[in-house]
Amino acid sequence: MDNKKKELLRSIKFTLFSISAGVIQLVSYALLYELLHLPEWISYLISLILSVLWNFTLNRKFTFQSAANVPVAMLKVALFYVVFTPLSTWWTKVLTEDLLWNAYVVQIGTMVINFVSEYLYQRFVVFGKSLDTAK
């Protein structure tokens, strides 16, 4: 398969797995926020962690087909979230509590930002040198 087709297929897989992770994030967020009445930012943080674990596992195996050392790859993803999580938790709090934006609008917007930035980071930083090494 030529490179363009391979990258298109890779991006489609990432999109589909990200959608499934997004469903996990939204459902867990709704349960935590609506049923347990946790604050928006705590609900967001827990749902984000669940989503990241799901997304990393599926994308490492099926999208990037990487045989890279799992703890090292996960550490690289964790480093991404060391930056992304505090920023997104902060803007979730500001937008929902201070500016009174709808929590679900903020959640979906944040997920779109995460989707694009995480794909680029995983494709080029986390799995860039180990693409298609797991057969």
Protein backbone atom coordinates (compact mmCIF):
# COMPACT_ATOMS: atom_id res chain seq x y z
CA MET A 1 0.00 0.00 0.00
CA ASP A 2 1.41 3.41 -0.89
CA ASN A 3 2.13 6.01 1.78
CA LYS A 4 -0.86 8.26 1.03
CA LYS A 5 -3.34 5.39 1.35
CA LYS A 6 -1.60 4.12 4.49
CA GLU A 7 -1.76 7.58 6.12
CA LEU A 8 -5.39 8.03 5.10
CA LEU A 9 -6.27 4.67 6.64
CA ARG A 10 -4.26 5.56 9.75
CA SER A 11 -6.13 8.86 10.15
CA ILE A 12 -9.50 7.14 9.64
CA LYS A 13 -8.67 4.57 12.32
CA PHE A 14 -7.50 7.30 14.69
CA THR A 15 -10.73 9.20 14.06
CA LEU A 16 -12.92 6.17 14.74
CA PHE A 17 -11.05 5.22 17.90
CA SER A 18 -11.14 8.85 19.02
CA ILE A 19 -14.90 8.89 18.52
CA SER A 20 -15.20 5.81 20.74
CA ALA A 21 -12.95 7.48 23.32
CA GLY A 22 -15.10 10.59 23.03
CA VAL A 23 -18.21 8.54 23.78
CA ILE A 24 -16.48 7.10 26.84
CA GLN A 25 -15.47 10.59 27.92
CA LEU A 26 -18.92 12.11 27.42
CA VAL A 27 -20.78 9.24 29.08
CA SER A 28 -18.44 9.10 32.08
CA TYR A 29 -18.53 12.91 32.31
CA ALA A 30 -22.34 12.89 32.29
CA LEU A 31 -22.48 10.19 34.97
CA LEU A 32 -20.01 12.00 37.20
CA TYR A 33 -21.46 15.47 36.63
CA GLU A 34 -25.20 14.75 36.42
CA LEU A 35 -25.60 11.74 38.71
CA LEU A 36 -22.82 12.22 41.26
CA HIS A 37 -22.95 16.03 41.06
CA LEU A 38 -19.19 16.40 41.00
CA PRO A 39 -17.85 19.78 39.84
CA GLU A 40 -17.37 20.19 36.08
CA TRP A 41 -13.60 20.24 36.26
CA ILE A 42 -13.35 17.08 38.40
CA SER A 43 -15.84 15.28 36.17
CA TYR A 44 -13.82 16.40 33.16
CA LEU A 45 -10.51 15.26 34.64
CA ILE A 46 -11.71 11.76 35.50
CA SER A 47 -13.47 11.30 32.16
CA LEU A 48 -10.37 12.52 30.32
CA ILE A 49 -8.17 9.93 32.05
CA LEU A 50 -10.57 7.12 31.13
CA SER A 51 -10.69 8.33 27.54
CA VAL A 52 -6.90 8.62 27.24
CA LEU A 53 -6.29 5.09 28.48
CA TRP A 54 -8.82 3.67 26.03
CA ASN A 55 -7.55 5.75 23.09
CA PHE A 56 -3.87 5.00 23.74
CA THR A 57 -4.44 1.26 23.96
CA LEU A 58 -6.42 1.00 20.72
CA ASN A 59 -4.28 3.42 18.70
CA ARG A 60 -0.97 1.86 19.71
CA LYS A 61 -2.12 -1.56 18.60
CA PHE A 62 -4.35 -0.87 15.60
CA THR A 63 -3.68 2.63 14.22
CA PHE A 64 0.06 3.02 14.62
CA GLN A 65 0.77 -0.73 14.94
CA SER A 66 3.71 0.02 17.15
CA ALA A 67 5.98 -2.47 18.87
CA ALA A 68 7.54 0.37 20.84
CA ASN A 69 8.12 -0.12 24.54
CA VAL A 70 4.65 0.41 26.06
CA PRO A 71 5.81 2.14 29.27
CA VAL A 72 8.00 4.55 27.25
CA ALA A 73 5.18 5.27 24.80
CA MET A 74 2.74 5.79 27.66
CA LEU A 75 5.22 8.10 29.37
CA LYS A 76 5.38 10.20 26.19
CA VAL A 77 1.58 10.37 26.11
CA ALA A 78 1.57 11.25 29.81
CA LEU A 79 3.96 14.13 29.06
CA PHE A 80 1.48 15.44 26.49
CA TYR A 81 -1.21 15.35 29.14
CA VAL A 82 1.05 17.00 31.73
CA VAL A 83 0.63 20.09 29.55
CA PHE A 84 -2.84 19.52 28.09
CA THR A 85 -4.67 18.46 31.27
CA PRO A 86 -3.91 21.48 33.48
CA LEU A 87 -4.62 23.85 30.60
CA SER A 88 -7.88 22.18 29.62
CA THR A 89 -8.97 21.73 33.24
CA TRP A 90 -8.30 25.44 33.82
CA TRP A 91 -10.19 26.60 30.75
CA THR A 92 -13.05 24.20 31.58
CA LYS A 93 -13.34 25.82 35.00
CA VAL A 94 -13.10 29.37 33.65
CA LEU A 95 -15.52 28.83 30.80
CA THR A 96 -18.14 26.91 32.81
CA GLU A 97 -17.94 28.57 36.24
CA ASP A 98 -16.77 32.09 35.51
CA LEU A 99 -18.21 32.72 32.03
CA LEU A 100 -21.15 30.33 32.47
CA TRP A 101 -20.70 28.52 29.17
CA ASN A 102 -22.60 25.29 28.73
CA ALA A 103 -20.44 22.47 30.14
CA TYR A 104 -21.15 20.17 27.17
CA VAL A 105 -20.18 22.83 24.63
CA VAL A 106 -16.88 23.30 26.47
CA GLN A 107 -16.40 19.54 26.69
CA ILE A 108 -16.93 19.01 22.94
CA GLY A 109 -14.72 21.97 21.98
CA THR A 110 -11.97 20.66 24.22
CA MET A 111 -12.30 17.22 22.67
CA VAL A 112 -11.81 18.67 19.17
CA ILE A 113 -8.66 20.50 20.27
CA ASN A 114 -7.43 17.33 21.94
CA PHE A 115 -8.20 15.19 18.87
CA VAL A 116 -6.09 17.27 16.48
CA SER A 117 -3.18 17.92 18.81
CA GLU A 118 -3.04 14.34 20.09
CA TYR A 119 -3.05 12.83 16.60
CA LEU A 120 -0.10 14.97 15.56
CA TYR A 121 1.76 14.27 18.80
CA GLN A 122 1.20 10.51 18.70
CA ARG A 123 1.90 10.21 14.99
CA PHE A 124 5.16 12.15 15.00
CA VAL A 125 6.48 12.03 18.58
CA VAL A 126 5.17 8.94 20.35
CA PHE A 127 5.06 6.44 17.48
CA GLY A 128 6.93 8.26 14.69
CA LYS A 129 9.95 5.95 14.68
CA SER A 130 8.03 2.76 15.46
CA LEU A 131 5.14 2.96 12.99
CA ASP A 132 4.05 -0.40 11.63
CA THR A 133 6.63 -2.38 13.62
CA ALA A 134 4.11 -4.73 15.26
CA LYS A 135 3.02 -7.38 12.81
